[in-house]
Amino acid sequence: GVYYGAARSDSGLAHGADVFIIGAGNSAGQAA
């Protein structure tokens, strides 16, 4: 449930979920 960093391969974790992202850099924005 807690993951450091995020990648395209993590899309399955997000399906239909309420996703929270901690961060305000480019990586966080791209993931959002």
ModelCIF file with pLDDT and N, C-alpha, C, O atoms, coordinates in Angstrom:
data_MODEL
#
_entry.id   MODEL 
#
_entity.id                         1 
_entity.type                       polymer 
_entity.pdbx_number_of_molecules   1 
#
_entity_poly.entity_id                      1 
_entity_poly.type                           'polypeptide(L)' 
_entity_poly.nstd_linkage                   no 
_entity_poly.nstd_monomer                   no 
_entity_poly.pdbx_seq_one_letter_code       GVYYGAARSDSGLAHGADVFIIGAGNSAGQAA 
_entity_poly.pdbx_seq_one_letter_code_can   GVYYGAARSDSGLAHGADVFIIGAGNSAGQAA 
_entity_poly.pdbx_strand_id                 A 
#
loop_
_entity_poly_seq.entity_id 
_entity_poly_seq.num 
_entity_poly_seq.mon_id 
_entity_poly_seq.hetero 
1 1  GLY n 
1 2  VAL n 
1 3  TYR n 
1 4  TYR n 
1 5  GLY n 
1 6  ALA n 
1 7  ALA n 
1 8  ARG n 
1 9  SER n 
1 10 ASP n 
1 11 SER n 
1 12 GLY n 
1 13 LEU n 
1 14 ALA n 
1 15 HIS n 
1 16 GLY n 
1 17 ALA n 
1 18 ASP n 
1 19 VAL n 
1 20 PHE n 
1 21 ILE n 
1 22 ILE n 
1 23 GLY n 
1 24 ALA n 
1 25 GLY n 
1 26 ASN n 
1 27 SER n 
1 28 ALA n 
1 29 GLY n 
1 30 GLN n 
1 31 ALA n 
1 32 ALA n 
#
_struct_asym.id          A 
_struct_asym.entity_id   1 
#
loop_
_ma_qa_metric.id 
_ma_qa_metric.mode 
_ma_qa_metric.name 
_ma_qa_metric.software_group_id 
_ma_qa_metric.type 
1 global pLDDT . pLDDT 
2 local  pLDDT . pLDDT 
#
_ma_qa_metric_global.metric_id      1 
_ma_qa_metric_global.metric_value   89.78 
_ma_qa_metric_global.model_id       1 
_ma_qa_metric_global.ordinal_id     1 
#
loop_
_ma_qa_metric_local.label_asym_id 
_ma_qa_metric_local.label_comp_id 
_ma_qa_metric_local.label_seq_id 
_ma_qa_metric_local.metric_id 
_ma_qa_metric_local.metric_value 
_ma_qa_metric_local.model_id 
_ma_qa_metric_local.ordinal_id 
A GLY 1  2 92.00 1 1  
A VAL 2  2 94.00 1 2  
A TYR 3  2 93.00 1 3  
A TYR 4  2 91.00 1 4  
A GLY 5  2 89.00 1 5  
A ALA 6  2 87.00 1 6  
A ALA 7  2 81.00 1 7  
A ARG 8  2 79.00 1 8  
A SER 9  2 80.00 1 9  
A ASP 10 2 86.00 1 10 
A SER 11 2 84.00 1 11 
A GLY 12 2 83.00 1 12 
A LEU 13 2 87.00 1 13 
A ALA 14 2 88.00 1 14 
A HIS 15 2 86.00 1 15 
A GLY 16 2 86.00 1 16 
A ALA 17 2 90.00 1 17 
A ASP 18 2 93.00 1 18 
A VAL 19 2 95.00 1 19 
A PHE 20 2 97.00 1 20 
A ILE 21 2 97.00 1 21 
A ILE 22 2 97.00 1 22 
A GLY 23 2 94.00 1 23 
A ALA 24 2 93.00 1 24 
A GLY 25 2 90.00 1 25 
A ASN 26 2 89.00 1 26 
A SER 27 2 88.00 1 27 
A ALA 28 2 93.00 1 28 
A GLY 29 2 93.00 1 29 
A GLN 30 2 91.00 1 30 
A ALA 31 2 92.00 1 31 
A ALA 32 2 95.00 1 32 
#
loop_
_atom_site.group_PDB 
_atom_site.id 
_atom_site.type_symbol 
_atom_site.label_atom_id 
_atom_site.label_alt_id 
_atom_site.label_comp_id 
_atom_site.label_asym_id 
_atom_site.label_entity_id 
_atom_site.label_seq_id 
_atom_site.pdbx_PDB_ins_code 
_atom_site.Cartn_x 
_atom_site.Cartn_y 
_atom_site.Cartn_z 
_atom_site.occupancy 
_atom_site.B_iso_or_equiv 
_atom_site.pdbx_formal_charge 
_atom_site.auth_seq_id 
_atom_site.auth_comp_id 
_atom_site.auth_asym_id 
_atom_site.auth_atom_id 
_atom_site.pdbx_PDB_model_num 
ATOM 1   N N  . GLY A 1 1  ? 0.803   -1.213 0.000   1.00 92.00 ? 1  GLY A N  1 
ATOM 2   C CA . GLY A 1 1  ? 0.000   0.000  0.000   1.00 92.00 ? 1  GLY A CA 1 
ATOM 3   C C  . GLY A 1 1  ? 0.833   1.258  0.000   1.00 92.00 ? 1  GLY A C  1 
ATOM 4   O O  . GLY A 1 1  ? 0.372   2.303  -0.459  1.00 92.00 ? 1  GLY A O  1 
ATOM 5   N N  . VAL A 1 2  ? 2.057   1.180  0.508   1.00 94.00 ? 2  VAL A N  1 
ATOM 6   C CA . VAL A 1 2  ? 2.974   2.319  0.497   1.00 94.00 ? 2  VAL A CA 1 
ATOM 7   C C  . VAL A 1 2  ? 4.124   2.012  -0.450  1.00 94.00 ? 2  VAL A C  1 
ATOM 8   O O  . VAL A 1 2  ? 4.749   0.955  -0.355  1.00 94.00 ? 2  VAL A O  1 
ATOM 9   N N  . TYR A 1 3  ? 4.402   2.937  -1.362  1.00 93.00 ? 3  TYR A N  1 
ATOM 10  C CA . TYR A 1 3  ? 5.424   2.698  -2.383  1.00 93.00 ? 3  TYR A CA 1 
ATOM 11  C C  . TYR A 1 3  ? 6.294   3.946  -2.521  1.00 93.00 ? 3  TYR A C  1 
ATOM 12  O O  . TYR A 1 3  ? 5.790   5.066  -2.614  1.00 93.00 ? 3  TYR A O  1 
ATOM 13  N N  . TYR A 1 4  ? 7.614   3.729  -2.533  1.00 91.00 ? 4  TYR A N  1 
ATOM 14  C CA . TYR A 1 4  ? 8.550   4.837  -2.753  1.00 91.00 ? 4  TYR A CA 1 
ATOM 15  C C  . TYR A 1 4  ? 8.834   4.932  -4.245  1.00 91.00 ? 4  TYR A C  1 
ATOM 16  O O  . TYR A 1 4  ? 9.322   3.984  -4.860  1.00 91.00 ? 4  TYR A O  1 
ATOM 17  N N  . GLY A 1 5  ? 8.519   6.096  -4.819  1.00 89.00 ? 5  GLY A N  1 
ATOM 18  C CA . GLY A 1 5  ? 8.617   6.251  -6.264  1.00 89.00 ? 5  GLY A CA 1 
ATOM 19  C C  . GLY A 1 5  ? 7.406   5.646  -6.944  1.00 89.00 ? 5  GLY A C  1 
ATOM 20  O O  . GLY A 1 5  ? 6.599   4.961  -6.315  1.00 89.00 ? 5  GLY A O  1 
ATOM 21  N N  . ALA A 1 6  ? 7.290   5.906  -8.232  1.00 87.00 ? 6  ALA A N  1 
ATOM 22  C CA . ALA A 1 6  ? 6.154   5.384  -8.995  1.00 87.00 ? 6  ALA A CA 1 
ATOM 23  C C  . ALA A 1 6  ? 6.569   5.207  -10.442 1.00 87.00 ? 6  ALA A C  1 
ATOM 24  O O  . ALA A 1 6  ? 7.351   5.998  -10.971 1.00 87.00 ? 6  ALA A O  1 
ATOM 25  N N  . ALA A 1 7  ? 6.047   4.168  -11.086 1.00 81.00 ? 7  ALA A N  1 
ATOM 26  C CA . ALA A 1 7  ? 6.386   3.873  -12.475 1.00 81.00 ? 7  ALA A CA 1 
ATOM 27  C C  . ALA A 1 7  ? 5.122   3.483  -13.238 1.00 81.00 ? 7  ALA A C  1 
ATOM 28  O O  . ALA A 1 7  ? 4.075   3.240  -12.639 1.00 81.00 ? 7  ALA A O  1 
ATOM 29  N N  . ARG A 1 8  ? 5.229   3.427  -14.547 1.00 79.00 ? 8  ARG A N  1 
ATOM 30  C CA . ARG A 1 8  ? 4.087   3.031  -15.372 1.00 79.00 ? 8  ARG A CA 1 
ATOM 31  C C  . ARG A 1 8  ? 3.602   1.634  -14.998 1.00 79.00 ? 8  ARG A C  1 
ATOM 32  O O  . ARG A 1 8  ? 2.409   1.344  -15.092 1.00 79.00 ? 8  ARG A O  1 
ATOM 33  N N  . SER A 1 9  ? 4.515   0.774  -14.576 1.00 80.00 ? 9  SER A N  1 
ATOM 34  C CA . SER A 1 9  ? 4.135   -0.588 -14.217 1.00 80.00 ? 9  SER A CA 1 
ATOM 35  C C  . SER A 1 9  ? 3.272   -0.632 -12.960 1.00 80.00 ? 9  SER A C  1 
ATOM 36  O O  . SER A 1 9  ? 2.711   -1.680 -12.640 1.00 80.00 ? 9  SER A O  1 
ATOM 37  N N  . ASP A 1 10 ? 3.156   0.484  -12.242 1.00 86.00 ? 10 ASP A N  1 
ATOM 38  C CA . ASP A 1 10 ? 2.313   0.536  -11.052 1.00 86.00 ? 10 ASP A CA 1 
ATOM 39  C C  . ASP A 1 10 ? 0.870   0.905  -11.361 1.00 86.00 ? 10 ASP A C  1 
ATOM 40  O O  . ASP A 1 10 ? 0.069   1.096  -10.446 1.00 86.00 ? 10 ASP A O  1 
ATOM 41  N N  . SER A 1 11 ? 0.531   1.007  -12.648 1.00 84.00 ? 11 SER A N  1 
ATOM 42  C CA . SER A 1 11 ? -0.824  1.428  -13.004 1.00 84.00 ? 11 SER A CA 1 
ATOM 43  C C  . SER A 1 11 ? -1.888  0.495  -12.441 1.00 84.00 ? 11 SER A C  1 
ATOM 44  O O  . SER A 1 11 ? -2.981  0.939  -12.091 1.00 84.00 ? 11 SER A O  1 
ATOM 45  N N  . GLY A 1 12 ? -1.571  -0.812 -12.350 1.00 83.00 ? 12 GLY A N  1 
ATOM 46  C CA . GLY A 1 12 ? -2.536  -1.761 -11.813 1.00 83.00 ? 12 GLY A CA 1 
ATOM 47  C C  . GLY A 1 12 ? -2.912  -1.465 -10.375 1.00 83.00 ? 12 GLY A C  1 
ATOM 48  O O  . GLY A 1 12 ? -4.036  -1.747 -9.959  1.00 83.00 ? 12 GLY A O  1 
ATOM 49  N N  . LEU A 1 13 ? -1.989  -0.899 -9.610  1.00 87.00 ? 13 LEU A N  1 
ATOM 50  C CA . LEU A 1 13 ? -2.286  -0.554 -8.222  1.00 87.00 ? 13 LEU A CA 1 
ATOM 51  C C  . LEU A 1 13 ? -3.319  0.565  -8.130  1.00 87.00 ? 13 LEU A C  1 
ATOM 52  O O  . LEU A 1 13 ? -4.057  0.670  -7.150  1.00 87.00 ? 13 LEU A O  1 
ATOM 53  N N  . ALA A 1 14 ? -3.356  1.395  -9.167  1.00 88.00 ? 14 ALA A N  1 
ATOM 54  C CA . ALA A 1 14 ? -4.218  2.577  -9.125  1.00 88.00 ? 14 ALA A CA 1 
ATOM 55  C C  . ALA A 1 14 ? -5.620  2.334  -9.670  1.00 88.00 ? 14 ALA A C  1 
ATOM 56  O O  . ALA A 1 14 ? -6.496  3.178  -9.481  1.00 88.00 ? 14 ALA A O  1 
ATOM 57  N N  . HIS A 1 15 ? -5.861  1.213  -10.339 1.00 86.00 ? 15 HIS A N  1 
ATOM 58  C CA . HIS A 1 15 ? -7.148  0.973  -10.980 1.00 86.00 ? 15 HIS A CA 1 
ATOM 59  C C  . HIS A 1 15 ? -8.306  1.101  -9.995  1.00 86.00 ? 15 HIS A C  1 
ATOM 60  O O  . HIS A 1 15 ? -8.423  0.317  -9.053  1.00 86.00 ? 15 HIS A O  1 
ATOM 61  N N  . GLY A 1 16 ? -9.143  2.078  -10.218 1.00 86.00 ? 16 GLY A N  1 
ATOM 62  C CA . GLY A 1 16 ? -10.331 2.260  -9.399  1.00 86.00 ? 16 GLY A CA 1 
ATOM 63  C C  . GLY A 1 16 ? -10.066 2.707  -7.990  1.00 86.00 ? 16 GLY A C  1 
ATOM 64  O O  . GLY A 1 16 ? -10.991 2.719  -7.178  1.00 86.00 ? 16 GLY A O  1 
ATOM 65  N N  . ALA A 1 17 ? -8.836  3.079  -7.656  1.00 90.00 ? 17 ALA A N  1 
ATOM 66  C CA . ALA A 1 17 ? -8.470  3.404  -6.274  1.00 90.00 ? 17 ALA A CA 1 
ATOM 67  C C  . ALA A 1 17 ? -8.416  4.914  -6.063  1.00 90.00 ? 17 ALA A C  1 
ATOM 68  O O  . ALA A 1 17 ? -8.329  5.694  -7.011  1.00 90.00 ? 17 ALA A O  1 
ATOM 69  N N  . ASP A 1 18 ? -8.471  5.299  -4.791  1.00 93.00 ? 18 ASP A N  1 
ATOM 70  C CA . ASP A 1 18 ? -8.191  6.679  -4.396  1.00 93.00 ? 18 ASP A CA 1 
ATOM 71  C C  . ASP A 1 18 ? -6.706  6.746  -4.065  1.00 93.00 ? 18 ASP A C  1 
ATOM 72  O O  . ASP A 1 18 ? -6.264  6.244  -3.031  1.00 93.00 ? 18 ASP A O  1 
ATOM 73  N N  . VAL A 1 19 ? -5.955  7.361  -4.941  1.00 95.00 ? 19 VAL A N  1 
ATOM 74  C CA . VAL A 1 19 ? -4.488  7.376  -4.847  1.00 95.00 ? 19 VAL A CA 1 
ATOM 75  C C  . VAL A 1 19 ? -4.031  8.652  -4.164  1.00 95.00 ? 19 VAL A C  1 
ATOM 76  O O  . VAL A 1 19 ? -4.513  9.741  -4.477  1.00 95.00 ? 19 VAL A O  1 
ATOM 77  N N  . PHE A 1 20 ? -3.096  8.514  -3.226  1.00 97.00 ? 20 PHE A N  1 
ATOM 78  C CA . PHE A 1 20 ? -2.477  9.665  -2.574  1.00 97.00 ? 20 PHE A CA 1 
ATOM 79  C C  . PHE A 1 20 ? -0.998  9.691  -2.943  1.00 97.00 ? 20 PHE A C  1 
ATOM 80  O O  . PHE A 1 20 ? -0.335  8.654  -2.968  1.00 97.00 ? 20 PHE A O  1 
ATOM 81  N N  . ILE A 1 21 ? -0.490  10.884 -3.229  1.00 97.00 ? 21 ILE A N  1 
ATOM 82  C CA . ILE A 1 21 ? 0.916   11.083 -3.568  1.00 97.00 ? 21 ILE A CA 1 
ATOM 83  C C  . ILE A 1 21 ? 1.474   12.155 -2.660  1.00 97.00 ? 21 ILE A C  1 
ATOM 84  O O  . ILE A 1 21 ? 0.922   13.253 -2.579  1.00 97.00 ? 21 ILE A O  1 
ATOM 85  N N  . ILE A 1 22 ? 2.570   11.847 -1.971  1.00 97.00 ? 22 ILE A N  1 
ATOM 86  C CA . ILE A 1 22 ? 3.250   12.850 -1.150  1.00 97.00 ? 22 ILE A CA 1 
ATOM 87  C C  . ILE A 1 22 ? 4.435   13.363 -1.944  1.00 97.00 ? 22 ILE A C  1 
ATOM 88  O O  . ILE A 1 22 ? 5.320   12.589 -2.310  1.00 97.00 ? 22 ILE A O  1 
ATOM 89  N N  . GLY A 1 23 ? 4.463   14.653 -2.214  1.00 94.00 ? 23 GLY A N  1 
ATOM 90  C CA . GLY A 1 23 ? 5.558   15.226 -2.971  1.00 94.00 ? 23 GLY A CA 1 
ATOM 91  C C  . GLY A 1 23 ? 5.093   16.325 -3.889  1.00 94.00 ? 23 GLY A C  1 
ATOM 92  O O  . GLY A 1 23 ? 3.916   16.396 -4.244  1.00 94.00 ? 23 GLY A O  1 
ATOM 93  N N  . ALA A 1 24 ? 6.031   17.196 -4.278  1.00 93.00 ? 24 ALA A N  1 
ATOM 94  C CA . ALA A 1 24 ? 5.678   18.332 -5.123  1.00 93.00 ? 24 ALA A CA 1 
ATOM 95  C C  . ALA A 1 24 ? 6.710   18.573 -6.217  1.00 93.00 ? 24 ALA A C  1 
ATOM 96  O O  . ALA A 1 24 ? 6.749   19.648 -6.816  1.00 93.00 ? 24 ALA A O  1 
ATOM 97  N N  . GLY A 1 25 ? 7.551   17.563 -6.479  1.00 90.00 ? 25 GLY A N  1 
ATOM 98  C CA . GLY A 1 25 ? 8.524   17.690 -7.559  1.00 90.00 ? 25 GLY A CA 1 
ATOM 99  C C  . GLY A 1 25 ? 7.980   17.192 -8.875  1.00 90.00 ? 25 GLY A C  1 
ATOM 100 O O  . GLY A 1 25 ? 6.820   16.787 -8.962  1.00 90.00 ? 25 GLY A O  1 
ATOM 101 N N  . ASN A 1 26 ? 8.811   17.220 -9.901  1.00 89.00 ? 26 ASN A N  1 
ATOM 102 C CA . ASN A 1 26 ? 8.373   16.781 -11.220 1.00 89.00 ? 26 ASN A CA 1 
ATOM 103 C C  . ASN A 1 26 ? 7.949   15.319 -11.238 1.00 89.00 ? 26 ASN A C  1 
ATOM 104 O O  . ASN A 1 26 ? 6.973   14.959 -11.897 1.00 89.00 ? 26 ASN A O  1 
ATOM 105 N N  . SER A 1 27 ? 8.683   14.473 -10.512 1.00 88.00 ? 27 SER A N  1 
ATOM 106 C CA . SER A 1 27 ? 8.324   13.052 -10.502 1.00 88.00 ? 27 SER A CA 1 
ATOM 107 C C  . SER A 1 27 ? 6.934   12.847 -9.929  1.00 88.00 ? 27 SER A C  1 
ATOM 108 O O  . SER A 1 27 ? 6.157   12.048 -10.451 1.00 88.00 ? 27 SER A O  1 
ATOM 109 N N  . ALA A 1 28 ? 6.614   13.566 -8.854  1.00 93.00 ? 28 ALA A N  1 
ATOM 110 C CA . ALA A 1 28 ? 5.285   13.463 -8.257  1.00 93.00 ? 28 ALA A CA 1 
ATOM 111 C C  . ALA A 1 28 ? 4.220   13.979 -9.215  1.00 93.00 ? 28 ALA A C  1 
ATOM 112 O O  . ALA A 1 28 ? 3.147   13.385 -9.332  1.00 93.00 ? 28 ALA A O  1 
ATOM 113 N N  . GLY A 1 29 ? 4.507   15.072 -9.896  1.00 93.00 ? 29 GLY A N  1 
ATOM 114 C CA . GLY A 1 29 ? 3.547   15.621 -10.842 1.00 93.00 ? 29 GLY A CA 1 
ATOM 115 C C  . GLY A 1 29 ? 3.297   14.697 -12.021 1.00 93.00 ? 29 GLY A C  1 
ATOM 116 O O  . GLY A 1 29 ? 2.153   14.514 -12.437 1.00 93.00 ? 29 GLY A O  1 
ATOM 117 N N  . GLN A 1 30 ? 4.360   14.113 -12.564 1.00 91.00 ? 30 GLN A N  1 
ATOM 118 C CA . GLN A 1 30 ? 4.209   13.165 -13.666 1.00 91.00 ? 30 GLN A CA 1 
ATOM 119 C C  . GLN A 1 30 ? 3.376   11.968 -13.234 1.00 91.00 ? 30 GLN A C  1 
ATOM 120 O O  . GLN A 1 30 ? 2.522   11.496 -13.985 1.00 91.00 ? 30 GLN A O  1 
ATOM 121 N N  . ALA A 1 31 ? 3.627   11.477 -12.017 1.00 92.00 ? 31 ALA A N  1 
ATOM 122 C CA . ALA A 1 31 ? 2.875   10.337 -11.510 1.00 92.00 ? 31 ALA A CA 1 
ATOM 123 C C  . ALA A 1 31 ? 1.398   10.691 -11.335 1.00 92.00 ? 31 ALA A C  1 
ATOM 124 O O  . ALA A 1 31 ? 0.525   9.883  -11.654 1.00 92.00 ? 31 ALA A O  1 
ATOM 125 N N  . ALA A 1 32 ? 1.118   11.884 -10.833 1.00 95.00 ? 32 ALA A N  1 
ATOM 126 C CA . ALA A 1 32 ? -0.274  12.293 -10.624 1.00 95.00 ? 32 ALA A CA 1 
ATOM 127 C C  . ALA A 1 32 ? -1.042  12.318 -11.948 1.00 95.00 ? 32 ALA A C  1 
ATOM 128 O O  . ALA A 1 32 ? -2.230  12.640 -11.967 1.00 95.00 ? 32 ALA A O  1 
#
